[in-house]
């Protein structure tokens, strides 16, 4: 079953209330095994979660991106092809 490339995708999002991500570091968010902080600062992890998430979304003809205002917190948005448009 294929996707209709002309469909407008739905935008989903997840927000957190963390310290935020500086604009000059956002390009690293979806890099496999890349951590923006040390494990001692914010807990354990492999640094692969967002990279895997990006690959799954792209396989479904969607895209993922992040918005992190200077006041803190980050919102991760993603789309999936073929779904009707709704406001986040």
N, C-alpha and C. Protein backbone atom coordinates (compact mmCIF):
# COMPACT_ATOMS: atom_id res chain seq x y z
N UNK A 1 0.85 -1.17 0.00
CA UNK A 1 0.00 0.00 0.00
C UNK A 1 0.89 1.23 0.00
N UNK A 2 0.71 2.13 -0.96
CA UNK A 2 1.53 3.33 -1.05
C UNK A 2 0.88 4.51 -0.37
N UNK A 3 1.61 5.60 -0.31
CA UNK A 3 1.11 6.83 0.27
C UNK A 3 0.75 7.80 -0.83
N UNK A 4 -0.29 8.57 -0.63
CA UNK A 4 -0.69 9.62 -1.56
C UNK A 4 0.18 10.84 -1.28
N UNK A 5 1.10 11.14 -2.19
CA UNK A 5 2.04 12.23 -1.97
C UNK A 5 1.36 13.60 -1.93
N UNK A 6 0.12 13.70 -2.41
CA UNK A 6 -0.56 14.99 -2.43
C UNK A 6 -1.33 15.26 -1.13
N UNK A 7 -1.42 14.27 -0.26
CA UNK A 7 -2.15 14.47 0.99
C UNK A 7 -1.40 15.42 1.91
N UNK A 8 -2.13 16.19 2.68
CA UNK A 8 -1.53 17.07 3.68
C UNK A 8 -1.41 16.28 4.98
N UNK A 9 -0.19 16.18 5.52
CA UNK A 9 -0.01 15.33 6.72
C UNK A 9 -0.45 16.01 7.99
N UNK A 10 -0.85 15.20 8.95
CA UNK A 10 -1.16 15.68 10.29
C UNK A 10 0.15 15.97 11.03
N UNK A 11 0.17 17.00 11.83
CA UNK A 11 1.35 17.34 12.64
C UNK A 11 1.08 16.91 14.08
N UNK A 12 1.91 16.03 14.57
CA UNK A 12 1.86 15.56 15.95
C UNK A 12 3.01 16.23 16.70
N UNK A 13 2.88 16.34 18.01
CA UNK A 13 3.99 16.92 18.76
C UNK A 13 4.03 16.40 20.19
N UNK A 14 5.22 16.49 20.77
CA UNK A 14 5.47 16.16 22.16
C UNK A 14 6.32 17.29 22.71
N UNK A 15 5.95 17.81 23.89
CA UNK A 15 6.71 18.90 24.50
C UNK A 15 7.29 18.44 25.83
N UNK A 16 8.44 19.01 26.16
CA UNK A 16 8.99 18.78 27.50
C UNK A 16 9.25 20.12 28.17
N UNK A 17 9.64 20.09 29.42
CA UNK A 17 9.90 21.33 30.14
C UNK A 17 11.36 21.41 30.57
N UNK A 18 12.24 20.83 29.76
CA UNK A 18 13.66 20.81 30.08
C UNK A 18 14.33 22.16 29.89
N UNK A 19 15.65 22.14 29.86
CA UNK A 19 16.45 23.36 29.78
C UNK A 19 16.47 23.96 28.38
N UNK A 20 16.00 23.24 27.40
CA UNK A 20 16.01 23.72 26.03
C UNK A 20 17.28 23.31 25.30
N UNK A 21 17.28 23.56 23.99
CA UNK A 21 18.40 23.19 23.14
C UNK A 21 18.83 24.42 22.37
N UNK A 22 20.07 24.86 22.53
CA UNK A 22 20.53 26.05 21.81
C UNK A 22 20.45 25.85 20.30
N UNK A 23 20.12 26.91 19.55
CA UNK A 23 19.99 26.79 18.09
C UNK A 23 21.22 26.19 17.40
N UNK A 24 22.41 26.51 17.89
CA UNK A 24 23.63 26.01 17.24
C UNK A 24 23.90 24.53 17.52
N UNK A 25 23.09 23.88 18.35
CA UNK A 25 23.25 22.46 18.63
C UNK A 25 22.11 21.60 18.07
N UNK A 26 21.07 22.21 17.55
CA UNK A 26 19.90 21.44 17.09
C UNK A 26 20.21 20.53 15.91
N UNK A 27 21.19 20.88 15.11
CA UNK A 27 21.54 20.02 13.96
C UNK A 27 22.03 18.65 14.42
N UNK A 28 22.45 18.53 15.68
CA UNK A 28 22.97 17.27 16.21
C UNK A 28 21.88 16.38 16.82
N UNK A 29 20.67 16.88 16.95
CA UNK A 29 19.62 16.14 17.66
C UNK A 29 19.36 14.74 17.11
N UNK A 30 19.38 14.59 15.80
CA UNK A 30 18.98 13.33 15.19
C UNK A 30 20.17 12.51 14.70
N UNK A 31 21.36 12.80 15.21
CA UNK A 31 22.56 12.06 14.86
C UNK A 31 22.70 10.86 15.80
N UNK A 32 22.91 9.69 15.21
CA UNK A 32 23.03 8.46 15.99
C UNK A 32 24.17 8.55 16.99
N UNK A 33 23.91 8.19 18.23
CA UNK A 33 24.87 8.14 19.32
C UNK A 33 25.44 9.51 19.70
N UNK A 34 24.73 10.55 19.39
CA UNK A 34 25.15 11.90 19.74
C UNK A 34 24.36 12.36 20.95
N UNK A 35 25.05 12.79 21.99
CA UNK A 35 24.40 13.31 23.19
C UNK A 35 24.71 14.78 23.30
N UNK A 36 23.72 15.57 23.67
CA UNK A 36 23.93 17.00 23.84
C UNK A 36 24.33 17.33 25.28
N UNK A 37 24.30 16.33 26.16
CA UNK A 37 24.70 16.52 27.55
C UNK A 37 25.42 15.26 28.00
N UNK A 38 26.09 15.35 29.13
CA UNK A 38 26.75 14.16 29.67
C UNK A 38 25.75 13.32 30.44
N UNK A 39 26.02 12.04 30.55
CA UNK A 39 25.13 11.14 31.28
C UNK A 39 24.99 11.56 32.73
N UNK A 40 26.04 12.10 33.31
CA UNK A 40 26.00 12.52 34.70
C UNK A 40 25.03 13.68 34.91
N UNK A 41 24.85 14.52 33.88
CA UNK A 41 23.95 15.67 34.00
C UNK A 41 22.48 15.27 33.99
N UNK A 42 22.09 14.41 33.05
CA UNK A 42 20.67 14.16 32.84
C UNK A 42 20.29 12.69 32.78
N UNK A 43 21.11 11.80 33.26
CA UNK A 43 20.75 10.40 33.30
C UNK A 43 21.38 9.60 32.18
N UNK A 44 21.14 8.31 32.23
CA UNK A 44 21.73 7.38 31.26
C UNK A 44 20.97 7.42 29.94
N UNK A 45 21.58 6.89 28.93
CA UNK A 45 20.96 6.79 27.62
C UNK A 45 22.03 6.52 26.58
N UNK A 46 21.61 6.00 25.44
CA UNK A 46 22.58 5.66 24.39
C UNK A 46 22.74 6.76 23.37
N UNK A 47 21.81 7.70 23.32
CA UNK A 47 21.88 8.75 22.31
C UNK A 47 21.34 8.30 20.96
N UNK A 48 20.56 7.22 20.93
CA UNK A 48 20.06 6.71 19.66
C UNK A 48 18.55 6.89 19.48
N UNK A 49 17.83 7.28 20.52
CA UNK A 49 16.37 7.35 20.46
C UNK A 49 15.82 8.27 19.38
N UNK A 50 16.33 9.51 19.30
CA UNK A 50 15.81 10.44 18.30
C UNK A 50 16.23 10.03 16.88
N UNK A 51 17.42 9.47 16.73
CA UNK A 51 17.86 9.02 15.41
C UNK A 51 16.98 7.88 14.90
N UNK A 52 16.64 6.94 15.77
CA UNK A 52 15.76 5.83 15.40
C UNK A 52 14.36 6.36 15.09
N UNK A 53 13.87 7.27 15.92
CA UNK A 53 12.56 7.87 15.68
C UNK A 53 12.51 8.55 14.32
N UNK A 54 13.56 9.30 13.99
CA UNK A 54 13.60 9.99 12.70
C UNK A 54 13.54 8.98 11.55
N UNK A 55 14.26 7.90 11.64
CA UNK A 55 14.26 6.91 10.56
C UNK A 55 12.89 6.25 10.39
N UNK A 56 12.21 5.97 11.49
CA UNK A 56 10.87 5.38 11.41
C UNK A 56 9.91 6.35 10.73
N UNK A 57 9.94 7.60 11.14
CA UNK A 57 9.04 8.61 10.57
C UNK A 57 9.33 8.81 9.09
N UNK A 58 10.60 8.87 8.71
CA UNK A 58 10.95 9.05 7.30
C UNK A 58 10.53 7.85 6.46
N UNK A 59 10.56 6.65 7.02
CA UNK A 59 10.08 5.46 6.29
C UNK A 59 8.59 5.54 6.00
N UNK A 60 7.89 6.32 6.81
CA UNK A 60 6.46 6.55 6.61
C UNK A 60 6.19 7.86 5.88
N UNK A 61 7.22 8.32 5.17
CA UNK A 61 7.15 9.53 4.34
C UNK A 61 6.77 10.77 5.13
N UNK A 62 7.24 10.82 6.37
CA UNK A 62 7.02 11.99 7.22
C UNK A 62 8.33 12.69 7.50
N UNK A 63 8.27 13.67 8.37
CA UNK A 63 9.49 14.35 8.80
C UNK A 63 9.35 14.74 10.27
N UNK A 64 10.48 15.00 10.91
CA UNK A 64 10.51 15.37 12.32
C UNK A 64 11.44 16.57 12.49
N UNK A 65 11.07 17.46 13.41
CA UNK A 65 11.90 18.62 13.71
C UNK A 65 11.61 19.07 15.14
N UNK A 66 12.46 19.94 15.66
CA UNK A 66 12.33 20.41 17.04
C UNK A 66 12.29 21.92 17.08
N UNK A 67 11.56 22.43 18.05
CA UNK A 67 11.51 23.87 18.33
C UNK A 67 11.81 24.03 19.81
N UNK A 68 12.81 24.86 20.12
CA UNK A 68 13.23 25.03 21.51
C UNK A 68 13.45 26.51 21.77
N UNK A 69 12.47 27.17 22.39
CA UNK A 69 12.61 28.61 22.66
C UNK A 69 13.69 28.87 23.70
N UNK A 70 14.25 30.09 23.74
CA UNK A 70 15.30 30.43 24.70
C UNK A 70 14.86 30.31 26.16
N UNK A 71 13.56 30.33 26.40
CA UNK A 71 13.05 30.23 27.77
C UNK A 71 13.06 28.81 28.30
N UNK A 72 13.38 27.83 27.47
CA UNK A 72 13.47 26.43 27.91
C UNK A 72 12.36 25.58 27.35
N UNK A 73 12.50 24.30 27.51
CA UNK A 73 11.55 23.34 26.96
C UNK A 73 11.80 23.13 25.48
N UNK A 74 11.40 21.98 25.01
CA UNK A 74 11.55 21.65 23.59
C UNK A 74 10.27 20.96 23.12
N UNK A 75 9.83 21.31 21.93
CA UNK A 75 8.70 20.62 21.29
C UNK A 75 9.25 19.87 20.08
N UNK A 76 8.95 18.59 20.00
CA UNK A 76 9.32 17.77 18.85
C UNK A 76 8.06 17.56 18.03
N UNK A 77 8.10 17.98 16.78
CA UNK A 77 6.97 17.86 15.86
C UNK A 77 7.29 16.79 14.83
N UNK A 78 6.26 16.07 14.39
CA UNK A 78 6.47 15.16 13.28
C UNK A 78 5.19 15.02 12.47
N UNK A 79 5.37 14.69 11.21
CA UNK A 79 4.26 14.48 10.31
C UNK A 79 4.30 13.03 9.80
N UNK A 80 3.14 12.57 9.37
CA UNK A 80 3.03 11.28 8.70
C UNK A 80 2.24 11.50 7.43
N UNK A 81 2.68 10.94 6.33
CA UNK A 81 2.04 11.14 5.04
C UNK A 81 0.65 10.56 5.01
N UNK A 82 -0.23 11.23 4.28
CA UNK A 82 -1.56 10.70 4.02
C UNK A 82 -2.62 10.99 5.05
N UNK A 83 -2.28 11.66 6.13
CA UNK A 83 -3.28 11.96 7.17
C UNK A 83 -3.82 13.37 6.98
N UNK A 84 -5.07 13.63 7.37
CA UNK A 84 -5.62 14.98 7.22
C UNK A 84 -4.96 15.96 8.14
N UNK A 85 -4.93 17.24 7.76
CA UNK A 85 -4.28 18.29 8.52
C UNK A 85 -5.08 18.66 9.77
N UNK A 86 -4.39 18.76 10.91
CA UNK A 86 -4.99 19.30 12.14
C UNK A 86 -4.00 20.24 12.77
N UNK A 87 -4.47 21.17 13.57
CA UNK A 87 -3.58 22.10 14.25
C UNK A 87 -2.98 21.44 15.47
N UNK A 88 -1.67 21.76 15.76
CA UNK A 88 -1.06 21.18 16.96
C UNK A 88 -1.60 21.82 18.22
